[in-house]
Amino acid sequence: MKIATDLFFWTAVYGGVLGILTVMLAANVSRLRMKHKAPWGDKGNHDLVGAIRAHGNATEFVPLFLVLFLIWELQGASDNALAIVGGLFVASRFAHAYGMIAVHRLARQYGAAVSYVVPLLIGVMVIISAL
């Protein structure tokens, strides 16, 4: 059994990293909105569309991952499993963001695929552990 100070360690680490990434993606949208004088919408600008979707996609997937990951951590998942799975998800989010912003199809596809698979698998693990 983990002691109280260690209960949220991995969620705190990965939540912090993902929070910073999400803020950086939001700042990139703001930067591009000012650059292209587009306070609303994307004005058809391909760079702005990619930045908006990179940020939007992060706001869709990161909260779901963190909730499931926290439950899994509280259920007593091993540190090795938490480190590997969390690191994989974080890497996928960086790859997806890079793929959307730099228009790198392979990075975007890897990021998207892992972003679907990891929460799905954690969800299964959480259910199995709860039964």
Protein backbone atom coordinates (compact mmCIF):
# COMPACT_ATOMS: atom_id res chain seq x y z
CA MET A 1 0.00 0.00 0.00
CA LYS A 2 1.29 3.42 -0.91
CA ILE A 3 1.66 6.06 1.77
CA ALA A 4 -0.51 9.17 1.51
CA THR A 5 2.22 11.45 0.10
CA ASP A 6 2.83 9.04 -2.77
CA LEU A 7 -0.79 8.39 -3.72
CA PHE A 8 -0.98 11.02 -6.46
CA PHE A 9 2.66 11.12 -7.54
CA TRP A 10 2.29 9.96 -11.15
CA THR A 11 -0.96 11.83 -11.73
CA ALA A 12 0.69 14.98 -10.39
CA VAL A 13 3.74 14.57 -12.62
CA TYR A 14 1.86 13.80 -15.82
CA GLY A 15 -0.97 16.20 -14.99
CA GLY A 16 1.57 18.99 -14.58
CA VAL A 17 3.29 18.19 -17.87
CA LEU A 18 -0.01 17.90 -19.74
CA GLY A 19 -1.27 21.11 -18.15
CA ILE A 20 1.82 22.97 -19.35
CA LEU A 21 1.45 21.48 -22.84
CA THR A 22 -2.21 22.54 -23.01
CA VAL A 23 -1.40 26.11 -21.94
CA MET A 24 1.41 26.25 -24.51
CA LEU A 25 -1.00 25.09 -27.21
CA ALA A 26 -3.52 27.76 -26.14
CA ALA A 27 -0.79 30.42 -26.23
CA ASN A 28 0.12 29.30 -29.74
CA VAL A 29 -3.49 29.79 -30.84
CA SER A 30 -3.49 33.28 -29.33
CA ARG A 31 -0.18 34.11 -31.02
CA LEU A 32 -1.49 33.01 -34.41
CA ARG A 33 -4.79 34.83 -33.92
CA MET A 34 -2.87 38.08 -33.34
CA LYS A 35 -0.48 37.39 -36.22
CA HIS A 36 -3.30 36.74 -38.68
CA LYS A 37 -5.72 39.29 -37.17
CA ALA A 38 -8.31 36.59 -36.55
CA PRO A 39 -9.96 37.20 -33.16
CA TRP A 40 -12.72 34.68 -34.03
CA GLY A 41 -12.61 31.65 -36.24
CA ASP A 42 -9.60 30.83 -38.37
CA LYS A 43 -10.07 33.10 -41.42
CA GLY A 44 -9.20 30.08 -43.56
CA ASN A 45 -5.58 30.13 -42.36
CA HIS A 46 -4.14 26.61 -42.42
CA ASP A 47 -1.64 27.28 -39.58
CA LEU A 48 -4.38 28.65 -37.34
CA VAL A 49 -6.70 25.72 -38.11
CA GLY A 50 -3.96 23.28 -37.07
CA ALA A 51 -3.19 25.20 -33.90
CA ILE A 52 -6.87 25.41 -32.92
CA ARG A 53 -7.36 21.68 -33.45
CA ALA A 54 -4.13 20.77 -31.62
CA HIS A 55 -5.35 22.72 -28.58
CA GLY A 56 -8.94 21.52 -28.89
CA ASN A 57 -7.90 17.90 -29.19
CA ALA A 58 -5.74 18.20 -26.07
CA THR A 59 -8.67 19.65 -24.13
CA GLU A 60 -10.77 16.70 -25.27
CA PHE A 61 -8.36 13.90 -24.38
CA VAL A 62 -6.24 15.14 -21.45
CA PRO A 63 -9.04 15.44 -18.85
CA LEU A 64 -10.41 11.97 -19.65
CA PHE A 65 -6.92 10.48 -19.39
CA LEU A 66 -6.17 12.22 -16.07
CA VAL A 67 -9.43 11.10 -14.44
CA LEU A 68 -8.95 7.48 -15.50
CA PHE A 69 -5.23 7.61 -14.65
CA LEU A 70 -5.94 8.98 -11.17
CA ILE A 71 -8.49 6.24 -10.49
CA TRP A 72 -6.01 3.62 -11.72
CA GLU A 73 -3.28 5.07 -9.51
CA LEU A 74 -5.59 5.13 -6.48
CA GLN A 75 -6.50 1.50 -7.15
CA GLY A 76 -2.85 0.63 -6.62
CA ALA A 77 -1.42 0.23 -10.12
CA SER A 78 2.32 -0.41 -10.04
CA ASP A 79 4.74 2.49 -10.35
CA ASN A 80 6.31 0.88 -13.41
CA ALA A 81 2.96 0.55 -15.17
CA LEU A 82 1.98 4.11 -14.26
CA ALA A 83 5.33 5.51 -15.43
CA ILE A 84 5.26 3.65 -18.74
CA VAL A 85 1.61 4.20 -19.62
CA GLY A 86 1.63 7.82 -18.49
CA GLY A 87 4.84 8.52 -20.37
CA LEU A 88 3.41 6.90 -23.49
CA PHE A 89 0.31 9.08 -23.31
CA VAL A 90 2.34 12.26 -22.73
CA ALA A 91 4.58 11.38 -25.69
CA SER A 92 1.49 10.79 -27.82
CA ARG A 93 0.10 14.21 -26.93
CA PHE A 94 3.36 15.92 -27.87
CA ALA A 95 3.49 13.91 -31.12
CA HIS A 96 -0.10 14.80 -31.95
CA ALA A 97 0.47 18.49 -31.26
CA TYR A 98 3.61 18.47 -33.38
CA GLY A 99 1.80 16.62 -36.15
CA MET A 100 -1.05 19.12 -36.16
CA ILE A 101 1.12 22.24 -36.00
CA ALA A 102 3.96 21.13 -38.29
CA VAL A 103 1.61 19.13 -40.55
CA HIS A 104 3.49 15.90 -39.97
CA ARG A 105 1.01 13.17 -40.82
CA LEU A 106 2.84 10.26 -39.16
CA ALA A 107 3.30 12.12 -35.85
CA ARG A 108 -0.36 13.14 -35.86
CA GLN A 109 -1.52 9.59 -36.59
CA TYR A 110 0.73 8.06 -33.89
CA GLY A 111 -0.44 10.65 -31.39
CA ALA A 112 -4.08 10.14 -32.23
CA ALA A 113 -3.88 6.33 -32.15
CA VAL A 114 -2.14 6.20 -28.78
CA SER A 115 -4.50 8.87 -27.41
CA TYR A 116 -7.41 6.55 -28.20
CA VAL A 117 -5.81 3.31 -27.05
CA VAL A 118 -4.32 4.40 -23.70
CA PRO A 119 -7.53 5.74 -22.09
CA LEU A 120 -9.42 2.74 -23.47
CA LEU A 121 -6.96 0.31 -21.86
CA ILE A 122 -6.86 2.23 -18.59
CA GLY A 123 -10.65 2.22 -18.56
CA VAL A 124 -10.65 -1.56 -18.90
CA MET A 125 -8.02 -1.89 -16.16
CA VAL A 126 -10.04 0.36 -13.83
CA ILE A 127 -13.18 -1.72 -14.38
CA ILE A 128 -11.34 -5.01 -13.87
CA SER A 129 -9.70 -3.69 -10.72
CA ALA A 130 -13.05 -2.48 -9.39
CA LEU A 131 -14.75 -5.87 -9.80
